[in-house]
Amino acid sequence: MIGSYGHGTENDFVLIFDPENKVEITADQVRAICNRKTGIGADGFIRIGKTNDKWFMDYRNSDGSIAEMCGNGIRVMAKYLMEKGHQKPGIFPINTRDGMKFLSAPDEGDITVNMGQIQEVFGGVSATTNGHTWTGYNIDMGNPHAVVFVESMSQVGDLLEPPIVEPASEYPDGVNVEFVEFLENGELKMRVHERGVGETKSCGTGTCAVALAATLKKRGRLPASWIINPPGGRLSVEIDAHNNAILTGPAVLIEDHDLSKYL
């Protein structure tokens, strides 16, 4: 089986095309493919299937665990569908474990996805790493996020280990943790430790969580829009008056790989 490798702001993925849903993927296979030393190497794995005649994103973290949604991954999936001739550019839906998402995907340029409802979960959280503890926001983006604000990214350290997030009872299946710095130009800088992966160069759902948390932090009102700069690039997020998060950013396909030794 041939798979493709691509990225969205350097958040990278291996994708396979399985519209008849015949391929069963195990956690061990995903770990082998995503291993950066012995496999192809990626933050996540996407099986492109179909449900009720609609595209379905079967997304797995690099450790093999199943995730509800991936904002960078769904844009890369859309890019794959168009470049491989399976989907015409324009507005079209992709189903996920977090429900149906609608994308606006031109022939060239950035892809926009309506990520759906985003909300703050009542009660604050704290994140501890590198000897520092910050309080922040518990954000539900279909998957869980803990967002904290730092004076400088240098305080965060290497993020080789998952930050300690309290209360742990809020996140029985783990949590994505975003560290955010306000920049003088009004934009945001972020780093993220993703559950089941580790630190990544970007996180689509994470940037949406950051946008809402920044709005709350500044006591702003919706709609609101932010430019967010993870290490891998630049993304824009708008949250409309109905709490829908709209994410816009690049998606790139790089090369194909023979996955027969893994699957």
Protein backbone atom coordinates (compact mmCIF):
# COMPACT_ATOMS: atom_id res chain seq x y z
CA MET A 1 0.00 0.00 0.00
CA ILE A 2 1.20 3.49 -0.88
CA GLY A 3 0.93 6.25 1.70
CA SER A 4 1.62 9.96 1.48
CA TYR A 5 3.58 12.24 3.79
CA GLY A 6 2.67 15.89 4.34
CA HIS A 7 2.46 18.65 6.90
CA GLY A 8 0.56 21.73 8.04
CA THR A 9 2.90 24.28 9.65
CA GLU A 10 5.37 21.40 10.19
CA ASN A 11 2.83 19.30 12.09
CA ASP A 12 3.36 16.18 9.96
CA PHE A 13 1.31 13.15 9.00
CA VAL A 14 1.30 9.91 7.04
CA LEU A 15 -1.94 9.31 5.12
CA ILE A 16 -3.46 6.28 3.39
CA PHE A 17 -6.48 6.21 1.09
CA ASP A 18 -9.07 3.61 2.12
CA PRO A 19 -12.51 4.73 0.84
CA GLU A 20 -13.94 1.20 1.11
CA ASN A 21 -12.83 0.94 4.78
CA LYS A 22 -11.00 -2.31 4.23
CA VAL A 23 -7.77 -1.50 6.08
CA GLU A 24 -7.60 -2.26 9.80
CA ILE A 25 -4.87 -0.30 11.53
CA THR A 26 -3.35 -1.37 14.84
CA ALA A 27 -1.64 0.85 17.38
CA ASP A 28 1.61 -1.08 16.83
CA GLN A 29 1.48 -0.34 13.08
CA VAL A 30 0.91 3.36 13.70
CA ARG A 31 3.80 3.51 16.15
CA ALA A 32 6.09 1.79 13.65
CA ILE A 33 5.15 4.13 10.80
CA CYS A 34 5.42 7.29 12.93
CA ASN A 35 8.74 6.32 14.56
CA ARG A 36 11.25 8.96 13.50
CA LYS A 37 14.26 6.65 13.89
CA THR A 38 13.05 3.42 12.32
CA GLY A 39 9.90 4.38 10.39
CA ILE A 40 8.83 7.22 8.14
CA GLY A 41 8.36 9.57 11.07
CA ALA A 42 5.30 11.71 11.78
CA ASP A 43 3.22 13.31 14.52
CA GLY A 44 0.13 11.44 13.41
CA PHE A 45 -1.46 8.93 11.04
CA ILE A 46 -4.59 9.48 8.94
CA ARG A 47 -6.66 6.75 7.31
CA ILE A 48 -8.94 8.39 4.74
CA GLY A 49 -12.16 6.42 4.81
CA LYS A 50 -15.82 7.05 4.07
CA THR A 51 -18.99 7.08 6.17
CA ASN A 52 -22.43 7.58 4.63
CA ASP A 53 -20.73 8.55 1.35
CA LYS A 54 -18.78 11.34 3.09
CA TRP A 55 -15.03 11.49 3.63
CA PHE A 56 -13.99 10.36 7.11
CA MET A 57 -10.73 11.22 8.88
CA ASP A 58 -9.63 8.27 11.01
CA TYR A 59 -6.91 10.02 12.99
CA ARG A 60 -4.30 8.40 15.25
CA ASN A 61 -1.60 10.01 17.38
CA SER A 62 1.97 8.82 16.86
CA ASP A 63 1.69 6.52 19.90
CA GLY A 64 -1.22 4.71 18.23
CA SER A 65 -3.95 6.24 20.37
CA ILE A 66 -7.15 7.46 18.71
CA ALA A 67 -7.91 11.20 18.67
CA GLU A 68 -11.15 13.04 18.01
CA MET A 69 -9.86 15.71 15.68
CA CYS A 70 -6.74 17.36 14.23
CA GLY A 71 -6.96 20.82 12.70
CA ASN A 72 -3.68 20.64 10.80
CA GLY A 73 -4.30 17.04 9.78
CA ILE A 74 -7.72 17.70 8.28
CA ARG A 75 -6.24 20.43 6.05
CA VAL A 76 -3.51 18.06 4.88
CA MET A 77 -6.17 15.42 4.21
CA ALA A 78 -8.12 17.94 2.12
CA LYS A 79 -4.94 18.76 0.18
CA TYR A 80 -4.39 15.05 -0.46
CA LEU A 81 -7.93 14.53 -1.73
CA MET A 82 -7.60 17.40 -4.18
CA GLU A 83 -4.07 16.66 -5.42
CA LYS A 84 -4.89 12.97 -5.95
CA GLY A 85 -8.05 13.84 -7.90
CA HIS A 86 -10.58 12.47 -5.38
CA GLN A 87 -12.17 15.81 -4.53
CA LYS A 88 -12.72 19.04 -6.46
CA PRO A 89 -11.56 22.29 -4.83
CA GLY A 90 -14.24 24.37 -3.15
CA ILE A 91 -16.35 23.88 -0.04
CA PHE A 92 -16.81 20.29 1.10
CA PRO A 93 -17.30 18.30 4.33
CA ILE A 94 -15.02 15.83 6.09
CA ASN A 95 -16.44 13.74 8.91
CA THR A 96 -14.42 13.22 12.10
CA ARG A 97 -14.91 11.70 15.53
CA ASP A 98 -15.76 15.24 16.61
CA GLY A 99 -18.49 15.54 13.98
CA MET A 100 -18.68 16.96 10.48
CA LYS A 101 -16.27 19.75 9.55
CA PHE A 102 -16.62 21.97 6.48
CA LEU A 103 -13.56 23.14 4.58
CA SER A 104 -12.94 25.86 2.04
CA ALA A 105 -10.07 24.60 -0.08
CA PRO A 106 -8.87 26.47 -3.20
CA ASP A 107 -6.61 25.05 -5.91
CA GLU A 108 -3.66 26.88 -4.34
CA GLY A 109 -3.04 28.67 -1.08
CA ASP A 110 -4.26 28.32 2.48
CA ILE A 111 -7.13 26.06 3.47
CA THR A 112 -9.84 27.12 5.91
CA VAL A 113 -11.78 24.74 8.14
CA ASN A 114 -14.72 25.47 10.39
CA MET A 115 -13.63 23.55 13.47
CA GLY A 116 -17.02 23.83 15.16
CA GLN A 117 -17.93 24.87 18.68
CA ILE A 118 -15.29 25.83 21.20
CA GLN A 119 -15.93 26.59 24.84
CA GLU A 120 -14.30 27.19 28.19
CA VAL A 121 -14.93 24.46 30.75
CA PHE A 122 -15.81 25.83 34.18
CA GLY A 123 -12.90 25.82 36.62
CA GLY A 124 -9.29 26.81 36.10
CA VAL A 125 -6.31 24.56 35.55
CA SER A 126 -2.58 24.73 36.23
CA ALA A 127 0.39 23.39 34.28
CA THR A 128 3.83 22.73 35.74
CA THR A 129 7.06 22.20 33.84
CA ASN A 130 10.72 23.24 34.15
CA GLY A 131 10.16 24.27 37.77
CA HIS A 132 7.41 26.76 36.93
CA THR A 133 3.65 26.58 37.51
CA TRP A 134 1.08 28.69 35.65
CA THR A 135 -2.69 28.86 35.99
CA GLY A 136 -4.82 28.99 32.89
CA TYR A 137 -7.89 27.87 31.01
CA ASN A 138 -9.59 24.53 30.43
CA ILE A 139 -10.77 24.63 26.82
CA ASP A 140 -12.96 22.06 25.05
CA MET A 141 -12.29 21.93 21.31
CA GLY A 142 -13.80 18.49 20.82
CA ASN A 143 -10.54 17.37 22.40
CA PRO A 144 -9.15 18.70 25.71
CA HIS A 145 -6.74 21.62 26.06
CA ALA A 146 -5.07 23.33 29.00
CA VAL A 147 -3.86 26.80 27.95
CA VAL A 148 -1.50 28.87 30.11
CA PHE A 149 0.19 32.22 29.49
CA VAL A 150 3.89 32.81 30.11
CA GLU A 151 6.04 35.93 30.20
CA SER A 152 8.68 34.29 28.01
CA MET A 153 8.95 30.95 26.20
CA SER A 154 12.40 30.53 27.75
CA GLN A 155 10.62 29.67 31.02
CA VAL A 156 9.02 26.58 29.49
CA GLY A 157 12.18 24.53 28.97
CA ASP A 158 12.61 21.54 26.66
CA LEU A 159 9.13 19.93 27.08
CA LEU A 160 10.63 16.45 26.77
CA GLU A 161 8.24 15.22 29.45
CA PRO A 162 4.49 15.89 29.66
CA PRO A 163 3.68 18.90 31.84
CA ILE A 164 1.90 18.14 35.10
CA VAL A 165 -1.65 19.43 34.74
CA GLU A 166 -4.04 19.85 37.66
CA PRO A 167 -6.73 18.88 38.39
CA ALA A 168 -5.77 15.60 36.74
CA SER A 169 -9.35 14.37 37.16
CA GLU A 170 -10.40 16.80 34.39
CA TYR A 171 -8.34 14.86 31.84
CA PRO A 172 -8.74 11.09 32.29
CA ASP A 173 -7.49 10.49 28.73
CA GLY A 174 -4.69 13.06 28.82
CA VAL A 175 -4.58 16.66 27.63
CA ASN A 176 -2.92 18.92 25.09
CA VAL A 177 -1.04 21.71 26.87
CA GLU A 178 -0.42 25.08 25.20
CA PHE A 179 2.05 27.69 26.44
CA VAL A 180 1.32 31.16 25.07
CA GLU A 181 3.18 34.46 24.97
CA PHE A 182 1.63 37.79 23.93
CA LEU A 183 3.83 39.55 21.37
CA GLU A 184 4.26 43.32 21.09
CA ASN A 185 2.67 43.33 17.62
CA GLY A 186 -0.58 41.90 19.01
CA GLU A 187 0.02 38.38 17.74
CA LEU A 188 0.54 35.25 19.83
CA LYS A 189 3.47 32.88 20.12
CA MET A 190 2.80 29.32 21.28
CA ARG A 191 4.35 25.96 22.05
CA VAL A 192 2.35 22.80 22.55
CA HIS A 193 2.82 19.39 24.16
CA GLU A 194 0.27 17.08 22.54
CA ARG A 195 -1.08 14.05 24.36
CA GLY A 196 0.12 10.84 22.76
CA VAL A 197 2.80 12.66 20.75
CA GLY A 198 4.99 15.08 22.75
CA GLU A 199 5.98 18.56 21.68
CA THR A 200 5.00 19.27 18.08
CA LYS A 201 5.77 22.17 15.76
CA SER A 202 2.08 23.08 15.59
CA CYS A 203 -1.42 22.01 16.64
CA GLY A 204 -4.56 23.12 14.83
CA THR A 205 -7.06 22.48 17.61
CA GLY A 206 -4.49 23.96 20.00
CA THR A 207 -4.35 27.25 18.12
CA CYS A 208 -8.15 27.47 18.36
CA ALA A 209 -7.98 26.82 22.10
CA VAL A 210 -5.30 29.50 22.38
CA ALA A 211 -7.45 32.01 20.48
CA LEU A 212 -10.37 31.57 22.87
CA ALA A 213 -8.13 31.65 25.95
CA ALA A 214 -6.42 34.84 24.72
CA THR A 215 -9.82 36.46 24.19
CA LEU A 216 -10.85 35.50 27.71
CA LYS A 217 -7.52 36.66 29.13
CA LYS A 218 -7.88 40.07 27.52
CA ARG A 219 -11.57 40.18 28.51
CA GLY A 220 -12.45 40.62 24.89
CA ARG A 221 -15.74 39.88 23.20
CA LEU A 222 -16.65 37.64 20.32
CA PRO A 223 -16.21 37.67 17.43
CA ALA A 224 -12.43 37.77 17.79
CA SER A 225 -9.50 36.96 15.54
CA TRP A 226 -5.86 36.18 16.27
CA ILE A 227 -2.65 35.46 14.40
CA ILE A 228 -0.85 32.61 16.16
CA ASN A 229 2.77 31.61 15.64
CA PRO A 230 3.70 28.06 16.64
CA PRO A 231 7.32 27.00 15.92
CA GLY A 232 6.25 25.53 12.56
CA GLY A 233 4.66 28.56 10.96
CA ARG A 234 1.74 30.96 11.09
CA LEU A 235 -1.99 30.31 11.48
CA SER A 236 -5.03 32.53 11.80
CA VAL A 237 -8.04 31.76 13.95
CA GLU A 238 -11.37 33.55 14.05
CA ILE A 239 -14.01 32.77 16.66
CA ASP A 240 -17.41 34.00 15.59
CA ALA A 241 -20.28 35.27 17.73
CA HIS A 242 -21.63 31.70 18.04
CA ASN A 243 -18.35 30.25 19.39
CA ASN A 244 -17.40 28.55 16.12
CA ALA A 245 -13.64 28.44 15.59
CA ILE A 246 -12.46 28.97 11.99
CA LEU A 247 -8.84 27.96 11.33
CA THR A 248 -6.86 29.01 8.25
CA GLY A 249 -3.39 27.84 7.29
CA PRO A 250 -1.19 26.02 4.78
CA ALA A 251 -1.12 22.33 3.86
CA VAL A 252 1.67 20.64 1.93
CA LEU A 253 2.10 17.16 0.45
CA ILE A 254 5.75 16.16 0.17
CA GLU A 255 6.18 12.59 -1.04
CA ASP A 256 4.70 9.10 -1.27
CA HIS A 257 5.98 6.03 0.58
CA ASP A 258 5.54 2.30 0.21
CA LEU A 259 3.93 1.15 3.48
CA SER A 260 3.81 -2.56 2.62
CA LYS A 261 6.34 -3.50 5.29
CA TYR A 262 4.20 -1.84 7.98
CA LEU A 263 0.67 -2.85 6.95
